[in-house]
Amino acid sequence: MRAMLLDQPGRPLRLGELPRGAPGRGQILVRVVACGVCRTDLHICDGDLAFVRSPIVPGHEIVGRVEAAGDGVSSITVGQRVGVPWLGWTCGRCGYCATGRENLCDSARFTGYHLDGGYAEYAVADARYSFALPEVYDDAAAAPLLCAGLIGYRSLVAAGDARRLGIYGFGAAAHIVCQVAVWQGREVYAFTRPGDTSAQGFARKLGARWAADSTALPPEQLDAAIVFAPVGALVPASLRATAKGGTVVCAGIHMSEIPAFSYDLLWGERKIVSVANLTRRDGVEFLALAPQVPVRSEVETFPLARANEALARVREGRINGAAVLLTTEQD
């Protein structure tokens, strides 16, 4: 099968051939149709996260059809369309798993990082960590729901019942969260890279009440803020924009160093929390919610072989919405 392979951080992915995997007990073989390009993929490719194996097939927003199922798989059938997210396996026995916090499992394995992911024509996945997808979404539109949507949803829940919500970094996750928040009756304030008027217009189109550079203060204090951009300096900036008792949610898996800041930005019972990974409950809840909003994924598609171009566009902030690789498209 064709696959895009990362041999070493900092190097471009290379198009190669790998044997098509076979599902073991509890696993499924998925014929990949679409795979979203996530900022976490960038962190892996750029070396922001520890490199755990070489080569690795990135990609953890996988949409495809089940080609084969291993022994013990009863919840998923051959031919069914499924989505495979970042969380690919947990031990099921540790204190985190036993208390509904499988996202924190110390032994967890992640799709496209420890396990070969969806920048390929086929992927093997644990059936327990694969989701049935709402039929209202086509393959490309469904892909961003599996990380941008799920992590965004978990971040929104962590923000509590905030009426005035700030979103720092208006990329794939933000464009989904914005729609959900507006549907819930919240006021959304969008913060983008300085000068990125395209992203600001996109945010307003999706219902944001206000959009401006990340260096600006909003016209009203925020009840909570979600920081999607991996820029540590945005933590004190978002605290400065948040009212007493508010929450700042750090939603990324990696962030540059947070600079020192005056205690008065935190005082007044403001809180800083992080969001790590996702749980299967997040997946079930969000995939049931998305069609009700309805969430509409804005996507730009690329053939599998142009994965490096898609990654570069995401890195440079030149995608409104999400980038998605299609294995059925050719150069």
Protein backbone atom coordinates (compact mmCIF):
# COMPACT_ATOMS: atom_id res chain seq x y z
CA MET A 1 0.00 0.00 0.00
CA ARG A 2 1.06 3.61 -0.49
CA ALA A 3 1.90 5.57 2.65
CA MET A 4 3.53 8.84 3.61
CA LEU A 5 6.39 8.05 5.98
CA LEU A 6 8.24 10.18 8.52
CA ASP A 7 11.79 8.87 8.95
CA GLN A 8 13.09 11.66 11.16
CA PRO A 9 11.72 14.92 12.56
CA GLY A 10 12.52 17.93 10.44
CA ARG A 11 12.56 15.95 7.22
CA PRO A 12 9.74 15.96 4.66
CA LEU A 13 7.50 12.93 4.56
CA ARG A 14 8.35 10.48 1.79
CA LEU A 15 5.92 8.47 -0.28
CA GLY A 16 6.69 4.78 0.15
CA GLU A 17 5.23 1.31 0.03
CA LEU A 18 4.33 -0.72 3.11
CA PRO A 19 2.71 -4.12 3.52
CA ARG A 20 -0.99 -3.89 4.16
CA GLY A 21 -1.53 -4.80 7.79
CA ALA A 22 -3.73 -7.60 9.08
CA PRO A 23 -6.06 -7.09 12.06
CA GLY A 24 -5.30 -9.02 15.23
CA ARG A 25 -7.72 -9.88 17.97
CA GLY A 26 -9.97 -6.91 18.71
CA GLN A 27 -8.67 -4.97 15.72
CA ILE A 28 -10.03 -3.84 12.37
CA LEU A 29 -8.38 -3.15 9.04
CA VAL A 30 -9.62 0.15 7.64
CA ARG A 31 -9.38 1.13 3.98
CA VAL A 32 -8.63 4.81 4.43
CA VAL A 33 -10.62 7.25 2.32
CA ALA A 34 -9.77 10.52 4.07
CA CYS A 35 -7.46 11.68 6.84
CA GLY A 36 -7.38 15.13 8.39
CA VAL A 37 -4.13 17.06 8.80
CA CYS A 38 -3.86 18.16 12.41
CA ARG A 39 -1.48 20.53 14.18
CA THR A 40 -0.40 17.57 16.33
CA ASP A 41 0.93 15.98 13.12
CA LEU A 42 3.08 19.10 12.76
CA HIS A 43 4.38 18.73 16.31
CA ILE A 44 5.42 15.16 15.50
CA CYS A 45 6.96 16.03 12.14
CA ASP A 46 8.77 19.10 13.48
CA GLY A 47 10.17 17.31 16.54
CA ASP A 48 8.19 19.22 19.18
CA LEU A 49 7.15 15.84 20.59
CA ALA A 50 9.62 13.05 21.36
CA PHE A 51 10.15 10.84 18.30
CA VAL A 52 9.16 7.32 19.37
CA ARG A 53 9.63 5.17 16.25
CA SER A 54 10.96 5.32 12.71
CA PRO A 55 9.44 5.32 10.25
CA ILE A 56 5.96 6.31 11.36
CA VAL A 57 2.84 6.94 9.31
CA PRO A 58 1.25 10.12 10.75
CA GLY A 59 -2.45 10.93 10.79
CA HIS A 60 -5.15 10.49 13.43
CA GLU A 61 -8.34 11.86 11.87
CA ILE A 62 -9.03 8.74 9.83
CA VAL A 63 -12.22 8.05 7.90
CA GLY A 64 -12.60 4.79 6.03
CA ARG A 65 -14.42 1.52 5.49
CA VAL A 66 -13.77 -1.66 7.46
CA GLU A 67 -12.05 -4.12 5.17
CA ALA A 68 -11.58 -6.93 7.69
CA ALA A 69 -12.13 -7.59 11.39
CA GLY A 70 -10.11 -9.71 13.79
CA ASP A 71 -11.39 -12.21 16.33
CA GLY A 72 -13.48 -10.76 19.12
CA VAL A 73 -14.81 -7.77 17.17
CA SER A 74 -18.59 -7.62 17.48
CA SER A 75 -19.47 -3.93 17.62
CA ILE A 76 -18.20 -3.09 14.11
CA THR A 77 -18.97 -4.89 10.86
CA VAL A 78 -17.08 -5.31 7.60
CA GLY A 79 -18.09 -2.56 5.18
CA GLN A 80 -19.07 -0.11 7.92
CA ARG A 81 -17.73 3.44 7.76
CA VAL A 82 -15.72 4.34 10.85
CA GLY A 83 -13.55 7.10 12.24
CA VAL A 84 -10.26 6.48 14.04
CA PRO A 85 -9.07 9.23 16.44
CA TRP A 86 -5.85 10.16 18.27
CA LEU A 87 -6.45 7.89 21.26
CA GLY A 88 -5.69 4.47 19.83
CA TRP A 89 -5.31 2.17 22.84
CA THR A 90 -5.30 2.24 26.64
CA CYS A 91 -4.56 -0.40 29.25
CA GLY A 92 -8.06 -0.38 30.77
CA ARG A 93 -6.66 -1.32 34.19
CA CYS A 94 -4.84 1.66 35.71
CA GLY A 95 -6.37 4.16 38.11
CA TYR A 96 -7.00 6.64 35.31
CA CYS A 97 -8.80 4.12 33.11
CA ALA A 98 -10.80 2.78 36.06
CA THR A 99 -12.13 6.24 36.89
CA GLY A 100 -13.23 7.36 33.41
CA ARG A 101 -9.99 9.23 32.71
CA GLU A 102 -8.55 6.96 30.04
CA ASN A 103 -7.20 10.05 28.28
CA LEU A 104 -4.54 10.19 31.02
CA CYS A 105 -3.51 6.51 30.88
CA ASP A 106 0.28 6.32 31.25
CA SER A 107 0.40 3.37 28.84
CA ALA A 108 -1.81 4.94 26.18
CA ARG A 109 -0.83 4.61 22.55
CA PHE A 110 -1.76 7.22 20.01
CA THR A 111 -2.69 6.91 16.35
CA GLY A 112 -0.13 8.36 13.98
CA TYR A 113 2.46 8.53 16.78
CA HIS A 114 2.96 5.15 18.48
CA LEU A 115 0.67 3.41 15.97
CA ASP A 116 0.77 3.88 12.19
CA GLY A 117 -1.92 6.34 11.20
CA GLY A 118 -4.01 7.46 8.27
CA TYR A 119 -1.55 9.04 5.82
CA ALA A 120 -1.85 5.73 4.00
CA GLU A 121 -4.26 3.62 2.00
CA TYR A 122 -4.93 1.24 4.93
CA ALA A 123 -4.67 1.40 8.72
CA VAL A 124 -5.09 -1.15 11.50
CA ALA A 125 -7.03 0.13 14.50
CA ASP A 126 -8.41 -1.11 17.82
CA ALA A 127 -12.15 -1.60 17.30
CA ARG A 128 -12.86 -0.26 20.80
CA TYR A 129 -11.36 3.10 19.84
CA SER A 130 -13.14 3.48 16.51
CA PHE A 131 -16.39 5.38 16.06
CA ALA A 132 -19.38 5.05 13.80
CA LEU A 133 -19.77 8.34 11.93
CA PRO A 134 -22.93 10.38 11.29
CA GLU A 135 -24.08 9.73 7.73
CA VAL A 136 -24.85 13.41 7.16
CA TYR A 137 -21.11 14.06 6.72
CA ASP A 138 -19.19 13.05 3.65
CA ASP A 139 -15.75 11.53 4.17
CA ALA A 140 -13.73 14.74 3.92
CA ALA A 141 -16.10 16.69 6.17
CA ALA A 142 -16.11 13.92 8.80
CA ALA A 143 -12.32 13.77 9.15
CA PRO A 144 -11.79 17.01 11.16
CA LEU A 145 -14.47 15.96 13.63
CA LEU A 146 -12.16 13.22 14.91
CA CYS A 147 -9.60 15.51 16.55
CA ALA A 148 -10.31 19.16 15.83
CA GLY A 149 -13.90 18.42 16.80
CA LEU A 150 -13.27 16.08 19.73
CA ILE A 151 -10.48 18.08 21.36
CA GLY A 152 -12.42 21.27 20.68
CA TYR A 153 -15.49 19.78 22.34
CA ARG A 154 -13.50 18.63 25.39
CA SER A 155 -12.00 22.12 25.64
CA LEU A 156 -15.43 23.73 25.44
CA VAL A 157 -16.69 21.51 28.26
CA ALA A 158 -13.61 22.51 30.31
CA ALA A 159 -14.54 26.16 29.77
CA GLY A 160 -17.74 25.59 31.75
CA ASP A 161 -20.86 27.65 31.13
CA ALA A 162 -18.96 30.78 30.04
CA ARG A 163 -21.24 33.17 28.17
CA ARG A 164 -18.43 35.27 26.68
CA LEU A 165 -15.89 32.85 25.22
CA GLY A 166 -12.53 33.80 23.73
CA ILE A 167 -10.84 31.56 21.16
CA TYR A 168 -7.13 32.11 20.54
CA GLY A 169 -5.93 30.65 17.25
CA PHE A 170 -8.67 30.27 14.67
CA GLY A 171 -7.79 27.03 12.90
CA ALA A 172 -9.46 23.65 12.45
CA ALA A 173 -10.57 23.11 16.06
CA ALA A 174 -11.65 26.71 16.56
CA HIS A 175 -13.86 26.78 13.47
CA ILE A 176 -15.79 23.78 14.83
CA VAL A 177 -15.95 24.98 18.45
CA CYS A 178 -17.16 28.40 17.32
CA GLN A 179 -20.19 26.85 15.64
CA VAL A 180 -21.07 24.78 18.70
CA ALA A 181 -20.62 27.73 21.08
CA VAL A 182 -22.78 30.05 18.97
CA TRP A 183 -25.47 27.34 18.74
CA GLN A 184 -25.37 27.11 22.54
CA GLY A 185 -26.08 30.83 22.77
CA ARG A 186 -22.58 31.99 23.78
CA GLU A 187 -20.79 35.09 22.52
CA VAL A 188 -17.57 34.17 20.74
CA TYR A 189 -14.55 36.48 20.56
CA ALA A 190 -11.93 35.26 18.08
CA PHE A 191 -8.22 36.06 18.26
CA THR A 192 -5.97 35.38 15.27
CA ARG A 193 -2.38 35.88 14.16
CA PRO A 194 -1.66 39.61 13.85
CA GLY A 195 -2.85 40.86 10.49
CA ASP A 196 -4.74 37.71 9.53
CA THR A 197 -7.87 39.42 8.28
CA SER A 198 -8.89 36.32 6.34
CA ALA A 199 -9.20 34.26 9.54
CA GLN A 200 -10.97 37.12 11.26
CA GLY A 201 -13.53 37.34 8.47
CA PHE A 202 -13.94 33.57 8.59
CA ALA A 203 -14.65 33.74 12.33
CA ARG A 204 -17.29 36.41 11.86
CA LYS A 205 -18.88 34.36 9.07
CA LEU A 206 -19.23 31.48 11.55
CA GLY A 207 -20.97 33.69 14.08
CA ALA A 208 -18.19 35.23 16.16
CA ARG A 209 -19.35 38.51 17.67
CA TRP A 210 -15.86 40.05 17.42
CA ALA A 211 -12.53 39.10 15.80
CA ALA A 212 -9.14 40.77 15.99
CA ASP A 213 -5.41 40.19 16.46
CA SER A 214 -4.27 38.11 19.44
CA THR A 215 -2.52 41.22 20.78
CA ALA A 216 -5.84 43.05 21.21
CA LEU A 217 -8.14 43.15 24.21
CA PRO A 218 -11.81 42.30 23.58
CA PRO A 219 -14.50 44.96 24.06
CA GLU A 220 -15.79 43.04 27.09
CA GLN A 221 -14.02 40.81 29.58
CA LEU A 222 -14.25 37.11 28.82
CA ASP A 223 -15.78 34.51 31.08
CA ALA A 224 -13.40 31.90 29.65
CA ALA A 225 -10.85 31.50 26.90
CA ILE A 226 -9.58 28.52 24.93
CA VAL A 227 -6.02 28.72 23.62
CA PHE A 228 -5.60 26.52 20.55
CA ALA A 229 -2.49 28.23 19.17
CA PRO A 230 0.73 26.62 20.52
CA VAL A 231 2.09 29.99 21.65
CA GLY A 232 2.92 30.28 25.35
CA ALA A 233 2.69 34.08 25.31
CA LEU A 234 -1.05 33.74 24.71
CA VAL A 235 -1.58 32.37 28.22
CA PRO A 236 -0.90 35.67 30.02
CA ALA A 237 -2.59 37.51 27.14
CA SER A 238 -5.77 35.47 27.60
CA LEU A 239 -5.64 35.86 31.39
CA ARG A 240 -5.47 39.62 30.86
CA ALA A 241 -8.66 39.40 28.79
CA THR A 242 -10.52 37.16 31.25
CA ALA A 243 -12.70 38.34 34.12
CA LYS A 244 -12.27 37.28 37.74
CA GLY A 245 -13.42 33.71 38.28
CA GLY A 246 -12.76 32.88 34.62
CA THR A 247 -10.96 29.92 33.12
CA VAL A 248 -8.21 29.74 30.51
CA VAL A 249 -8.12 26.35 28.78
CA CYS A 250 -4.86 25.31 27.10
CA ALA A 251 -6.03 22.91 24.41
CA GLY A 252 -2.85 21.84 22.61
CA ILE A 253 -0.55 18.87 23.16
CA HIS A 254 2.47 21.16 22.86
CA MET A 255 3.04 24.85 23.58
CA SER A 256 6.08 27.10 23.51
CA GLU A 257 7.38 28.29 26.86
CA ILE A 258 4.94 30.39 28.86
CA PRO A 259 6.63 33.64 29.85
CA ALA A 260 6.63 34.88 33.45
CA PHE A 261 3.67 37.07 34.31
CA SER A 262 2.46 39.13 37.23
CA TYR A 263 0.38 37.28 39.81
CA ASP A 264 -2.38 39.86 39.51
CA LEU A 265 -3.32 38.31 36.13
CA LEU A 266 -4.13 35.04 37.91
CA TRP A 267 -5.49 36.49 41.12
CA GLY A 268 -9.24 36.80 41.49
CA GLU A 269 -9.78 33.03 41.27
CA ARG A 270 -8.89 32.80 37.61
CA LYS A 271 -7.86 29.29 36.58
CA ILE A 272 -5.52 27.79 33.99
CA VAL A 273 -6.31 24.22 32.95
CA SER A 274 -5.02 21.95 30.20
CA VAL A 275 -6.88 19.47 28.04
CA ALA A 276 -5.14 16.19 27.28
CA ASN A 277 -6.24 13.80 24.53
CA LEU A 278 -9.83 12.55 24.55
CA THR A 279 -12.03 9.82 25.91
CA ARG A 280 -14.41 7.55 24.07
CA ARG A 281 -17.23 9.29 25.92
CA ASP A 282 -16.13 12.56 24.30
CA GLY A 283 -16.40 10.86 20.93
CA VAL A 284 -19.87 9.48 21.51
CA GLU A 285 -21.19 12.79 22.88
CA PHE A 286 -19.69 15.06 20.24
CA LEU A 287 -20.54 12.87 17.24
CA ALA A 288 -24.16 12.84 18.43
CA LEU A 289 -24.12 16.63 18.98
CA ALA A 290 -22.44 17.71 15.73
CA PRO A 291 -25.40 16.93 13.41
CA GLN A 292 -27.78 18.76 15.76
CA VAL A 293 -25.91 22.09 15.50
CA PRO A 294 -25.26 21.26 12.65
CA VAL A 295 -21.48 21.61 12.56
CA ARG A 296 -20.22 22.24 9.03
CA SER A 297 -16.58 21.41 8.40
CA GLU A 298 -14.78 23.79 6.08
CA VAL A 299 -12.14 21.66 4.36
CA GLU A 300 -9.48 21.94 1.69
CA THR A 301 -8.52 18.58 0.21
CA PHE A 302 -5.16 17.30 -1.04
CA PRO A 303 -4.07 14.01 -2.62
CA LEU A 304 -2.17 11.72 -0.25
CA ALA A 305 1.12 12.36 -2.07
CA ARG A 306 0.82 16.11 -1.36
CA ALA A 307 0.82 15.67 2.41
CA ASN A 308 3.93 17.84 2.78
CA GLU A 309 2.16 20.71 1.04
CA ALA A 310 -0.87 20.33 3.29
CA LEU A 311 1.33 20.33 6.40
CA ALA A 312 3.15 23.44 5.21
CA ARG A 313 -0.14 25.24 4.61
CA VAL A 314 -1.31 24.39 8.14
CA ARG A 315 2.04 25.46 9.62
CA GLU A 316 1.80 28.83 7.86
CA GLY A 317 -1.83 29.39 8.84
CA ARG A 318 -2.97 29.37 5.21
CA ILE A 319 -5.96 27.06 5.66
CA ASN A 320 -9.38 28.39 6.63
CA GLY A 321 -10.88 25.41 8.41
CA ALA A 322 -9.11 22.08 8.01
CA ALA A 323 -6.82 20.33 5.52
CA VAL A 324 -7.77 16.78 4.56
CA LEU A 325 -5.85 14.15 2.58
CA LEU A 326 -7.83 11.93 0.19
CA THR A 327 -6.35 8.58 -0.77
CA THR A 328 -8.66 8.36 -3.79
CA GLU A 329 -7.27 11.54 -5.38
CA GLN A 330 -4.16 11.41 -7.56
CA ASP A 331 -1.68 14.17 -8.40
